[in-house]
Amino acid sequence: MAEIDTSGGGGHKDGKVRAKKMSTKVDLTPMVDLAFLLITFFMLTTTLNKPSAMELNMPKKEDIDEKDKPEVMECQVLNVLLDTLDNVWYYEGLKVADLQKTTFAGDAGIRKQILRTKKRVSKECGISPKTNKERPMICLIKLLPGSRYKNMVDILDEMDIAQVPVYAIQDFSPIEKEAVDNGGNVKTFAKE
């Protein structure tokens, strides 16, 4: 570990006797070995953070059976379109009519419209004859070209906050893109 060097440093000069000078040398090899052992131990025994990502389960096309598809009424559907400027466009029903623009501004933005539509659906759409249950609100989320990933995460958070039971991410139609490009001024289109 440590050793003392006793060579040199003594002698008689001017007739005086001097004490021998001893130099010390410290060997650091065992300490370096110990440091590497500790680093290796802690690297192998710690758990690394798992990446937190949102899980999206998409059905396979072969898993969908035509007879199991639910009957969807026009009064159940809310379409939400996300554009490049962080704007949120929405319309109710299956036809692109009365396109409205809003933002993600908490209770005054898209959340307010989602909750309003959810309440309207429970009053107006009635009971499904197939399941004998109240018809749920269905929200179709459509991402226009250039929309940001952050906005998709935000709208999925809004679905969770508003407790929307059925929502799906779909491709937009050219009619919807044209309506958004025209600033929502186009009043009625038949959906393709």
N, C-alpha and C. Protein backbone atom coordinates (compact mmCIF):
# COMPACT_ATOMS: atom_id res chain seq x y z
N MET A 1 0.83 -1.17 0.00
CA MET A 1 0.00 0.00 0.00
C MET A 1 0.89 1.25 0.00
N ALA A 2 1.49 1.52 1.11
CA ALA A 2 2.40 2.67 1.18
C ALA A 2 3.77 2.14 1.55
N GLU A 3 4.75 2.76 1.00
CA GLU A 3 6.10 2.32 1.33
C GLU A 3 6.96 3.53 1.61
N ILE A 4 7.99 3.30 2.32
CA ILE A 4 8.91 4.37 2.69
C ILE A 4 10.22 4.13 1.97
N ASP A 5 10.66 5.15 1.28
CA ASP A 5 11.92 5.06 0.55
C ASP A 5 13.04 5.53 1.47
N THR A 6 13.95 4.66 1.77
CA THR A 6 15.04 5.01 2.69
C THR A 6 16.35 5.27 1.96
N SER A 7 16.35 5.25 0.67
CA SER A 7 17.59 5.44 -0.06
C SER A 7 17.93 6.92 -0.16
N GLY A 8 19.14 7.25 0.00
CA GLY A 8 19.65 8.60 -0.19
C GLY A 8 19.19 9.56 0.88
N GLY A 9 19.75 10.75 0.82
CA GLY A 9 19.30 11.81 1.68
C GLY A 9 20.16 11.99 2.93
N GLY A 10 21.09 11.12 3.25
CA GLY A 10 21.87 11.28 4.48
C GLY A 10 23.32 11.64 4.14
N GLY A 11 24.11 11.85 5.11
CA GLY A 11 25.52 12.12 4.87
C GLY A 11 26.07 13.15 5.80
N HIS A 12 27.42 13.35 5.70
CA HIS A 12 28.09 14.33 6.55
C HIS A 12 28.56 15.45 5.68
N LYS A 13 28.15 16.61 6.01
CA LYS A 13 28.61 17.77 5.30
C LYS A 13 28.91 18.82 6.35
N ASP A 14 29.97 19.40 6.24
CA ASP A 14 30.42 20.40 7.19
C ASP A 14 30.55 19.81 8.59
N GLY A 15 30.77 18.53 8.69
CA GLY A 15 31.00 17.89 9.96
C GLY A 15 29.76 17.74 10.81
N LYS A 16 28.65 18.09 10.31
CA LYS A 16 27.43 17.96 11.08
C LYS A 16 26.72 16.68 10.68
N VAL A 17 26.04 16.09 11.61
CA VAL A 17 25.28 14.89 11.33
C VAL A 17 23.82 15.31 11.12
N ARG A 18 23.34 14.96 10.00
CA ARG A 18 21.96 15.30 9.71
C ARG A 18 21.11 14.05 9.70
N ALA A 19 19.84 14.26 9.95
CA ALA A 19 18.91 13.12 9.91
C ALA A 19 18.63 12.76 8.46
N LYS A 20 18.40 11.51 8.26
CA LYS A 20 18.12 11.05 6.91
C LYS A 20 16.74 11.52 6.48
N LYS A 21 16.63 12.01 5.24
CA LYS A 21 15.33 12.41 4.70
C LYS A 21 14.69 11.19 4.06
N MET A 22 13.48 10.94 4.49
CA MET A 22 12.76 9.80 3.94
C MET A 22 11.59 10.31 3.10
N SER A 23 11.41 9.75 1.94
CA SER A 23 10.26 10.14 1.10
C SER A 23 9.24 9.01 1.13
N THR A 24 7.97 9.43 1.03
CA THR A 24 6.89 8.43 1.04
C THR A 24 6.28 8.36 -0.34
N LYS A 25 5.83 7.19 -0.67
CA LYS A 25 5.19 6.96 -1.95
C LYS A 25 3.93 6.14 -1.67
N VAL A 26 2.78 6.61 -2.18
CA VAL A 26 1.52 5.92 -1.93
C VAL A 26 1.10 5.21 -3.23
N ASP A 27 0.82 3.93 -3.13
CA ASP A 27 0.37 3.15 -4.28
C ASP A 27 -1.17 3.19 -4.32
N LEU A 28 -1.74 3.78 -5.35
CA LEU A 28 -3.19 3.98 -5.45
C LEU A 28 -3.90 2.86 -6.21
N THR A 29 -3.21 1.86 -6.65
CA THR A 29 -3.82 0.79 -7.43
C THR A 29 -4.98 0.09 -6.69
N PRO A 30 -4.83 -0.27 -5.41
CA PRO A 30 -5.97 -0.92 -4.75
C PRO A 30 -7.20 -0.01 -4.64
N MET A 31 -6.98 1.29 -4.47
CA MET A 31 -8.12 2.20 -4.36
C MET A 31 -8.85 2.30 -5.71
N VAL A 32 -8.13 2.32 -6.79
CA VAL A 32 -8.74 2.36 -8.12
C VAL A 32 -9.52 1.08 -8.37
N ASP A 33 -8.96 -0.06 -7.97
CA ASP A 33 -9.67 -1.33 -8.12
C ASP A 33 -10.97 -1.32 -7.33
N LEU A 34 -10.93 -0.81 -6.11
CA LEU A 34 -12.12 -0.73 -5.28
C LEU A 34 -13.16 0.19 -5.91
N ALA A 35 -12.72 1.32 -6.46
CA ALA A 35 -13.66 2.25 -7.10
C ALA A 35 -14.37 1.58 -8.28
N PHE A 36 -13.61 0.86 -9.10
CA PHE A 36 -14.23 0.18 -10.23
C PHE A 36 -15.18 -0.92 -9.78
N LEU A 37 -14.85 -1.61 -8.72
CA LEU A 37 -15.77 -2.63 -8.19
C LEU A 37 -17.07 -1.99 -7.70
N LEU A 38 -16.97 -0.87 -7.00
CA LEU A 38 -18.18 -0.17 -6.52
C LEU A 38 -19.02 0.35 -7.68
N ILE A 39 -18.37 0.94 -8.66
CA ILE A 39 -19.12 1.44 -9.83
C ILE A 39 -19.84 0.30 -10.53
N THR A 40 -19.14 -0.80 -10.73
CA THR A 40 -19.75 -1.97 -11.38
C THR A 40 -20.92 -2.49 -10.56
N PHE A 41 -20.75 -2.58 -9.26
CA PHE A 41 -21.83 -3.06 -8.39
C PHE A 41 -23.07 -2.19 -8.50
N PHE A 42 -22.90 -0.87 -8.40
CA PHE A 42 -24.06 0.02 -8.44
C PHE A 42 -24.70 0.08 -9.83
N MET A 43 -23.91 -0.07 -10.87
CA MET A 43 -24.48 -0.09 -12.22
C MET A 43 -25.35 -1.33 -12.43
N LEU A 44 -24.91 -2.45 -11.89
CA LEU A 44 -25.65 -3.69 -12.11
C LEU A 44 -26.86 -3.83 -11.19
N THR A 45 -26.86 -3.16 -10.05
CA THR A 45 -27.96 -3.36 -9.10
C THR A 45 -29.03 -2.28 -9.17
N THR A 46 -28.78 -1.16 -9.83
CA THR A 46 -29.81 -0.12 -9.92
C THR A 46 -30.77 -0.44 -11.05
N THR A 47 -31.99 0.06 -10.92
CA THR A 47 -32.96 -0.10 -12.00
C THR A 47 -33.00 1.20 -12.78
N LEU A 48 -32.95 1.09 -14.07
CA LEU A 48 -32.99 2.26 -14.92
C LEU A 48 -34.43 2.71 -15.10
N ASN A 49 -34.63 3.99 -15.33
CA ASN A 49 -35.98 4.50 -15.58
C ASN A 49 -36.50 3.94 -16.88
N LYS A 50 -37.70 3.44 -16.81
CA LYS A 50 -38.33 2.94 -18.03
C LYS A 50 -38.94 4.12 -18.77
N PRO A 51 -38.82 4.14 -20.08
CA PRO A 51 -39.40 5.27 -20.81
C PRO A 51 -40.92 5.27 -20.67
N SER A 52 -41.46 6.43 -20.41
CA SER A 52 -42.91 6.51 -20.28
C SER A 52 -43.48 7.00 -21.61
N ALA A 53 -44.21 6.15 -22.25
CA ALA A 53 -44.80 6.48 -23.54
C ALA A 53 -46.28 6.13 -23.49
N MET A 54 -47.02 6.85 -24.28
CA MET A 54 -48.45 6.61 -24.33
C MET A 54 -48.70 5.37 -25.18
N GLU A 55 -49.50 4.49 -24.68
CA GLU A 55 -49.80 3.26 -25.40
C GLU A 55 -51.08 3.43 -26.20
N LEU A 56 -50.97 3.20 -27.49
CA LEU A 56 -52.14 3.25 -28.37
C LEU A 56 -52.38 1.86 -28.91
N ASN A 57 -53.51 1.30 -28.62
CA ASN A 57 -53.85 -0.02 -29.14
C ASN A 57 -54.75 0.16 -30.34
N MET A 58 -54.26 -0.28 -31.48
CA MET A 58 -55.02 -0.17 -32.71
C MET A 58 -55.51 -1.56 -33.10
N PRO A 59 -56.77 -1.67 -33.47
CA PRO A 59 -57.28 -2.99 -33.86
C PRO A 59 -56.72 -3.42 -35.21
N LYS A 60 -56.55 -4.71 -35.36
CA LYS A 60 -56.11 -5.25 -36.64
C LYS A 60 -57.33 -5.36 -37.54
N LYS A 61 -57.13 -5.18 -38.83
CA LYS A 61 -58.26 -5.20 -39.75
C LYS A 61 -58.97 -6.55 -39.76
N GLU A 62 -58.23 -7.62 -39.58
CA GLU A 62 -58.87 -8.94 -39.60
C GLU A 62 -59.65 -9.23 -38.32
N ASP A 63 -59.39 -8.45 -37.26
CA ASP A 63 -60.11 -8.66 -36.00
C ASP A 63 -61.51 -8.04 -36.00
N ILE A 64 -61.78 -7.15 -36.94
CA ILE A 64 -63.06 -6.45 -36.95
C ILE A 64 -64.09 -7.28 -37.70
N ASP A 65 -65.17 -7.59 -37.03
CA ASP A 65 -66.25 -8.37 -37.63
C ASP A 65 -67.40 -7.42 -37.95
N GLU A 66 -67.97 -7.54 -39.13
CA GLU A 66 -69.03 -6.63 -39.57
C GLU A 66 -70.25 -6.67 -38.66
N LYS A 67 -70.59 -7.82 -38.13
CA LYS A 67 -71.79 -7.91 -37.28
C LYS A 67 -71.56 -7.30 -35.89
N ASP A 68 -70.29 -7.17 -35.47
CA ASP A 68 -69.98 -6.62 -34.16
C ASP A 68 -69.84 -5.10 -34.18
N LYS A 69 -69.86 -4.48 -35.36
CA LYS A 69 -69.73 -3.04 -35.44
C LYS A 69 -70.95 -2.39 -34.81
N PRO A 70 -70.73 -1.42 -33.95
CA PRO A 70 -71.88 -0.76 -33.32
C PRO A 70 -72.61 0.15 -34.31
N GLU A 71 -73.88 0.32 -34.07
CA GLU A 71 -74.68 1.23 -34.89
C GLU A 71 -74.38 2.65 -34.41
N VAL A 72 -73.98 3.51 -35.33
CA VAL A 72 -73.61 4.87 -34.98
C VAL A 72 -74.63 5.83 -35.58
N MET A 73 -75.19 6.65 -34.71
CA MET A 73 -76.13 7.68 -35.16
C MET A 73 -75.38 8.99 -35.31
N GLU A 74 -75.89 9.84 -36.15
CA GLU A 74 -75.23 11.12 -36.41
C GLU A 74 -75.16 11.99 -35.15
N CYS A 75 -76.13 11.85 -34.28
CA CYS A 75 -76.14 12.70 -33.08
C CYS A 75 -75.05 12.32 -32.08
N GLN A 76 -74.42 11.16 -32.24
CA GLN A 76 -73.39 10.71 -31.29
C GLN A 76 -72.00 11.25 -31.59
N VAL A 77 -71.76 11.73 -32.79
CA VAL A 77 -70.40 11.95 -33.28
C VAL A 77 -69.96 13.41 -33.12
N LEU A 78 -68.74 13.57 -32.59
CA LEU A 78 -68.05 14.86 -32.57
C LEU A 78 -66.72 14.66 -33.29
N ASN A 79 -66.48 15.45 -34.32
CA ASN A 79 -65.24 15.38 -35.09
C ASN A 79 -64.32 16.51 -34.63
N VAL A 80 -63.08 16.16 -34.33
CA VAL A 80 -62.09 17.15 -33.88
C VAL A 80 -60.92 17.09 -34.85
N LEU A 81 -60.59 18.24 -35.44
CA LEU A 81 -59.48 18.34 -36.39
C LEU A 81 -58.40 19.23 -35.80
N LEU A 82 -57.15 18.78 -35.86
CA LEU A 82 -56.01 19.54 -35.34
C LEU A 82 -55.19 20.04 -36.51
N ASP A 83 -54.92 21.37 -36.56
CA ASP A 83 -54.16 21.91 -37.68
C ASP A 83 -52.76 22.34 -37.27
N THR A 84 -52.05 22.97 -38.19
CA THR A 84 -50.64 23.30 -37.97
C THR A 84 -50.44 24.47 -37.02
N LEU A 85 -51.42 25.31 -36.84
CA LEU A 85 -51.28 26.52 -36.02
C LEU A 85 -51.79 26.32 -34.60
N ASP A 86 -51.84 25.11 -34.13
CA ASP A 86 -52.32 24.76 -32.78
C ASP A 86 -53.80 25.11 -32.59
N ASN A 87 -54.52 25.23 -33.68
CA ASN A 87 -55.96 25.46 -33.59
C ASN A 87 -56.68 24.12 -33.56
N VAL A 88 -57.84 24.12 -32.95
CA VAL A 88 -58.67 22.93 -32.89
C VAL A 88 -59.98 23.27 -33.59
N TRP A 89 -60.30 22.51 -34.62
CA TRP A 89 -61.55 22.68 -35.35
C TRP A 89 -62.46 21.53 -34.98
N TYR A 90 -63.76 21.79 -34.89
CA TYR A 90 -64.69 20.72 -34.55
C TYR A 90 -66.03 20.94 -35.23
N TYR A 91 -66.73 19.84 -35.44
CA TYR A 91 -68.11 19.87 -35.92
C TYR A 91 -68.80 18.61 -35.43
N GLU A 92 -70.09 18.71 -35.28
CA GLU A 92 -70.88 17.57 -34.80
C GLU A 92 -71.53 16.87 -35.98
N GLY A 93 -71.69 15.57 -35.86
CA GLY A 93 -72.36 14.80 -36.89
C GLY A 93 -71.40 14.17 -37.88
N LEU A 94 -71.99 13.62 -38.95
CA LEU A 94 -71.21 12.92 -39.95
C LEU A 94 -70.94 13.78 -41.18
N LYS A 95 -71.54 14.96 -41.28
CA LYS A 95 -71.33 15.87 -42.41
C LYS A 95 -70.56 17.08 -41.92
N VAL A 96 -69.65 17.53 -42.77
CA VAL A 96 -68.85 18.70 -42.43
C VAL A 96 -69.75 19.93 -42.53
N ALA A 97 -70.33 20.30 -41.42
CA ALA A 97 -71.23 21.46 -41.39
C ALA A 97 -70.95 22.26 -40.13
N ASP A 98 -71.02 23.56 -40.26
CA ASP A 98 -70.85 24.46 -39.13
C ASP A 98 -69.53 24.20 -38.40
N LEU A 99 -68.44 24.25 -39.15
CA LEU A 99 -67.10 24.02 -38.61
C LEU A 99 -66.74 25.18 -37.69
N GLN A 100 -66.35 24.88 -36.46
CA GLN A 100 -66.01 25.88 -35.45
C GLN A 100 -64.53 25.76 -35.09
N LYS A 101 -63.94 26.88 -34.67
CA LYS A 101 -62.52 26.90 -34.29
C LYS A 101 -62.41 27.24 -32.81
N THR A 102 -61.52 26.55 -32.11
CA THR A 102 -61.25 26.84 -30.70
C THR A 102 -59.79 26.50 -30.42
N THR A 103 -59.42 26.48 -29.15
CA THR A 103 -58.04 26.16 -28.75
C THR A 103 -58.08 25.13 -27.63
N PHE A 104 -56.91 24.91 -27.03
CA PHE A 104 -56.81 24.00 -25.88
C PHE A 104 -56.89 24.78 -24.57
N ALA A 105 -57.55 25.91 -24.54
CA ALA A 105 -57.53 26.82 -23.38
C ALA A 105 -58.36 26.30 -22.22
N GLY A 106 -57.99 25.18 -21.66
CA GLY A 106 -58.62 24.65 -20.45
C GLY A 106 -60.12 24.50 -20.57
N ASP A 107 -60.85 25.04 -19.60
CA ASP A 107 -62.31 24.87 -19.56
C ASP A 107 -63.03 25.70 -20.61
N ALA A 108 -62.38 26.68 -21.21
CA ALA A 108 -63.04 27.52 -22.21
C ALA A 108 -62.79 27.02 -23.62
N GLY A 109 -61.91 26.07 -23.81
CA GLY A 109 -61.54 25.61 -25.14
C GLY A 109 -62.33 24.38 -25.57
N ILE A 110 -61.62 23.41 -26.12
CA ILE A 110 -62.25 22.21 -26.67
C ILE A 110 -62.90 21.37 -25.58
N ARG A 111 -62.39 21.44 -24.36
CA ARG A 111 -62.98 20.67 -23.27
C ARG A 111 -64.44 21.07 -23.04
N LYS A 112 -64.72 22.36 -23.12
CA LYS A 112 -66.09 22.86 -22.94
C LYS A 112 -67.01 22.26 -24.00
N GLN A 113 -66.53 22.21 -25.24
CA GLN A 113 -67.35 21.66 -26.33
C GLN A 113 -67.53 20.15 -26.16
N ILE A 114 -66.50 19.46 -25.73
CA ILE A 114 -66.61 18.01 -25.53
C ILE A 114 -67.65 17.71 -24.45
N LEU A 115 -67.59 18.43 -23.35
CA LEU A 115 -68.56 18.21 -22.26
C LEU A 115 -69.98 18.58 -22.69
N ARG A 116 -70.11 19.66 -23.47
CA ARG A 116 -71.43 20.06 -23.98
C ARG A 116 -72.00 18.97 -24.92
N THR A 117 -71.18 18.45 -25.80
CA THR A 117 -71.62 17.41 -26.73
C THR A 117 -71.96 16.12 -25.98
N LYS A 118 -71.16 15.80 -24.99
CA LYS A 118 -71.42 14.59 -24.20
C LYS A 118 -72.78 14.68 -23.51
N LYS A 119 -73.10 15.83 -22.96
CA LYS A 119 -74.38 16.04 -22.30
C LYS A 119 -75.54 15.98 -23.31
N ARG A 120 -75.33 16.58 -24.49
CA ARG A 120 -76.36 16.57 -25.53
C ARG A 120 -76.62 15.16 -26.04
N VAL A 121 -75.57 14.38 -26.21
CA VAL A 121 -75.73 13.01 -26.70
C VAL A 121 -76.55 12.18 -25.72
N SER A 122 -76.28 12.35 -24.42
CA SER A 122 -77.03 11.56 -23.44
C SER A 122 -78.51 11.94 -23.44
N LYS A 123 -78.85 13.17 -23.79
CA LYS A 123 -80.26 13.59 -23.83
C LYS A 123 -80.94 13.20 -25.13
N GLU A 124 -80.27 13.39 -26.27
CA GLU A 124 -80.92 13.30 -27.57
C GLU A 124 -80.84 11.94 -28.26
N CYS A 125 -79.80 11.18 -28.01
CA CYS A 125 -79.58 9.98 -28.83
C CYS A 125 -80.29 8.74 -28.33
N GLY A 126 -80.75 8.72 -27.12
CA GLY A 126 -81.58 7.62 -26.64
C GLY A 126 -80.83 6.33 -26.37
N ILE A 127 -81.60 5.24 -26.38
CA ILE A 127 -81.11 3.91 -26.05
C ILE A 127 -80.87 3.12 -27.33
N SER A 128 -79.77 2.38 -27.37
CA SER A 128 -79.46 1.53 -28.52
C SER A 128 -80.31 0.27 -28.45
N PRO A 129 -81.00 -0.10 -29.53
CA PRO A 129 -81.82 -1.31 -29.50
C PRO A 129 -80.97 -2.59 -29.42
N LYS A 130 -79.74 -2.55 -29.90
CA LYS A 130 -78.87 -3.74 -29.87
C LYS A 130 -78.43 -4.06 -28.44
N THR A 131 -77.99 -3.05 -27.71
CA THR A 131 -77.41 -3.29 -26.40
C THR A 131 -78.31 -2.91 -25.24
N ASN A 132 -79.38 -2.20 -25.53
CA ASN A 132 -80.30 -1.72 -24.48
C ASN A 132 -79.60 -0.77 -23.50
N LYS A 133 -78.56 -0.12 -23.96
CA LYS A 133 -77.82 0.83 -23.13
C LYS A 133 -77.86 2.20 -23.80
N GLU A 134 -77.58 3.22 -22.99
CA GLU A 134 -77.52 4.58 -23.53
C GLU A 134 -76.38 4.68 -24.53
N ARG A 135 -76.63 5.38 -25.62
CA ARG A 135 -75.60 5.52 -26.65
C ARG A 135 -74.48 6.45 -26.15
N PRO A 136 -73.23 6.03 -26.32
CA PRO A 136 -72.12 6.88 -25.86
C PRO A 136 -71.75 7.92 -26.92
N MET A 137 -71.10 8.96 -26.48
CA MET A 137 -70.54 9.95 -27.41
C MET A 137 -69.34 9.32 -28.09
N ILE A 138 -69.18 9.59 -29.38
CA ILE A 138 -68.04 9.10 -30.14
C ILE A 138 -67.27 10.30 -30.66
N CYS A 139 -66.00 10.38 -30.35
CA CYS A 139 -65.18 11.50 -30.79
C CYS A 139 -64.17 10.97 -31.81
N LEU A 140 -64.16 11.57 -33.00
CA LEU A 140 -63.22 11.20 -34.05
C LEU A 140 -62.15 12.28 -34.13
N ILE A 141 -60.91 11.91 -33.86
CA ILE A 141 -59.78 12.84 -33.85
C ILE A 141 -59.06 12.70 -35.18
N LYS A 142 -58.87 13.84 -35.85
CA LYS A 142 -58.22 13.82 -37.17
C LYS A 142 -57.08 14.83 -37.17
N LEU A 143 -55.92 14.36 -37.57
CA LEU A 143 -54.72 15.20 -37.59
C LEU A 143 -54.47 15.67 -39.02
N LEU A 144 -54.53 16.97 -39.24
CA LEU A 144 -54.26 17.53 -40.55
C LEU A 144 -52.76 17.56 -40.79
N PRO A 145 -52.32 17.65 -42.05
CA PRO A 145 -50.89 17.67 -42.33
C PRO A 145 -50.19 18.81 -41.59
N GLY A 146 -49.09 18.51 -40.95
CA GLY A 146 -48.32 19.51 -40.23
C GLY A 146 -48.74 19.71 -38.79
N SER A 147 -49.76 18.99 -38.33
CA SER A 147 -50.16 19.14 -36.92
C SER A 147 -49.08 18.53 -36.04
N ARG A 148 -48.98 19.05 -34.83
CA ARG A 148 -47.89 18.66 -33.95
C ARG A 148 -48.28 17.49 -33.05
N TYR A 149 -47.27 16.71 -32.70
CA TYR A 149 -47.46 15.57 -31.81
C TYR A 149 -47.99 16.02 -30.46
N LYS A 150 -47.52 17.16 -29.98
CA LYS A 150 -47.96 17.70 -28.69
C LYS A 150 -49.48 17.92 -28.69
N ASN A 151 -50.03 18.38 -29.82
CA ASN A 151 -51.47 18.60 -29.89
C ASN A 151 -52.24 17.29 -29.82
N MET A 152 -51.70 16.24 -30.42
CA MET A 152 -52.36 14.94 -30.34
C MET A 152 -52.38 14.45 -28.90
N VAL A 153 -51.27 14.61 -28.20
CA VAL A 153 -51.22 14.22 -26.79
C VAL A 153 -52.20 15.06 -25.98
N ASP A 154 -52.27 16.36 -26.27
CA ASP A 154 -53.20 17.24 -25.55
C ASP A 154 -54.65 16.83 -25.77
N ILE A 155 -55.03 16.47 -26.99
CA ILE A 155 -56.43 16.11 -27.24
C ILE A 155 -56.74 14.75 -26.59
N LEU A 156 -55.76 13.85 -26.55
CA LEU A 156 -55.99 12.58 -25.86
C LEU A 156 -56.13 12.81 -24.35
N ASP A 157 -55.40 13.78 -23.82
CA ASP A 157 -55.57 14.15 -22.41
C ASP A 157 -56.97 14.72 -22.17
N GLU A 158 -57.45 15.52 -23.10
CA GLU A 158 -58.80 16.08 -22.97
C GLU A 158 -59.86 14.96 -22.99
N MET A 159 -59.63 13.94 -23.80
CA MET A 159 -60.56 12.80 -23.83
C MET A 159 -60.60 12.10 -22.47
N ASP A 160 -59.43 12.00 -21.86
CA ASP A 160 -59.34 11.36 -20.54
C ASP A 160 -59.98 12.23 -19.46
N ILE A 161 -59.73 13.53 -19.51
CA ILE A 161 -60.30 14.44 -18.52
C ILE A 161 -61.82 14.46 -18.61
N ALA A 162 -62.34 14.53 -19.84
CA ALA A 162 -63.79 14.60 -20.04
C ALA A 162 -64.45 13.22 -19.95
N GLN A 163 -63.66 12.18 -19.79
CA GLN A 163 -64.14 10.80 -19.67
C GLN A 163 -65.01 10.40 -20.86
N VAL A 164 -64.47 10.66 -22.05
CA VAL A 164 -65.15 10.26 -23.29
C VAL A 164 -64.97 8.76 -23.44
N PRO A 165 -66.06 7.99 -23.52
CA PRO A 165 -65.92 6.53 -23.53
C PRO A 165 -65.38 5.97 -24.85
N VAL A 166 -65.72 6.61 -25.98
CA VAL A 166 -65.30 6.08 -27.28
C VAL A 166 -64.66 7.20 -28.08
N TYR A 167 -63.39 7.02 -28.44
CA TYR A 167 -62.73 7.97 -29.34
C TYR A 167 -61.76 7.20 -30.21
N ALA A 168 -61.48 7.79 -31.37
CA ALA A 168 -60.60 7.12 -32.33
C ALA A 168 -59.82 8.16 -33.11
N ILE A 169 -58.63 7.78 -33.54
CA ILE A 169 -57.81 8.63 -34.40
C ILE A 169 -58.04 8.15 -35.83
N GLN A 170 -58.45 9.06 -36.69
CA GLN A 170 -58.76 8.71 -38.07
C GLN A 170 -58.04 9.63 -39.03
N ASP A 171 -58.03 9.22 -40.30
CA ASP A 171 -57.51 10.08 -41.35
C ASP A 171 -58.56 11.13 -41.68
N PHE A 172 -58.09 12.30 -42.07
CA PHE A 172 -59.01 13.36 -42.47
C PHE A 172 -59.44 13.15 -43.92
N SER A 173 -60.57 13.71 -44.27
CA SER A 173 -61.04 13.64 -45.65
C SER A 173 -60.62 14.93 -46.37
N PRO A 174 -60.53 14.90 -47.70
CA PRO A 174 -60.18 16.12 -48.44
C PRO A 174 -61.18 17.25 -48.21
N ILE A 175 -62.42 16.92 -47.98
CA ILE A 175 -63.44 17.94 -47.73
C ILE A 175 -63.16 18.66 -46.42
N GLU A 176 -62.76 17.90 -45.40
CA GLU A 176 -62.42 18.51 -44.11
C GLU A 176 -61.20 19.42 -44.25
N LYS A 177 -60.20 18.97 -44.99
CA LYS A 177 -58.99 19.78 -45.22
C LYS A 177 -59.36 21.07 -45.93
N GLU A 178 -60.22 20.98 -46.94
CA GLU A 178 -60.64 22.16 -47.69
C GLU A 178 -61.41 23.13 -46.79
N ALA A 179 -62.28 22.59 -45.95
CA ALA A 179 -63.06 23.44 -45.04
C ALA A 179 -62.15 24.18 -44.06
N VAL A 180 -61.12 23.51 -43.53
CA VAL A 180 -60.19 24.16 -42.61
C VAL A 180 -59.35 25.19 -43.35
N ASP A 181 -58.92 24.87 -44.57
CA ASP A 181 -58.14 25.81 -45.37
C ASP A 181 -58.93 27.08 -45.67
N ASN A 182 -60.25 26.96 -45.81
CA ASN A 182 -61.11 28.11 -46.08
C ASN A 182 -61.53 28.83 -44.80
N GLY A 183 -60.93 28.48 -43.69
CA GLY A 183 -61.21 29.16 -42.44
C GLY A 183 -62.54 28.81 -41.82
N GLY A 184 -63.10 27.68 -42.19
CA GLY A 184 -64.37 27.25 -41.61
C GLY A 184 -65.57 27.97 -42.20
N ASN A 185 -65.36 28.76 -43.26
CA ASN A 185 -66.45 29.53 -43.85
C ASN A 185 -67.39 28.67 -44.68
N VAL A 186 -66.93 27.52 -45.10
CA VAL A 186 -67.78 26.65 -45.90
C VAL A 186 -68.79 26.02 -44.97
N LYS A 187 -70.07 26.14 -45.28
CA LYS A 187 -71.11 25.76 -44.32
C LYS A 187 -71.51 24.29 -44.40
N THR A 188 -71.67 23.71 -45.56
CA THR A 188 -72.15 22.32 -45.61
C THR A 188 -71.49 21.56 -46.73
N PHE A 189 -70.95 20.42 -46.37
CA PHE A 189 -70.38 19.47 -47.32
C PHE A 189 -70.98 18.10 -47.00
N ALA A 190 -71.11 17.26 -48.00
CA ALA A 190 -71.47 15.87 -47.74
C ALA A 190 -70.16 15.12 -47.54
N LYS A 191 -70.05 14.40 -46.47
CA LYS A 191 -68.83 13.66 -46.16
C LYS A 191 -68.68 12.51 -47.14
N GLU A 192 -67.43 12.32 -47.63
CA GLU A 192 -67.18 11.23 -48.58
C GLU A 192 -67.30 9.88 -47.92
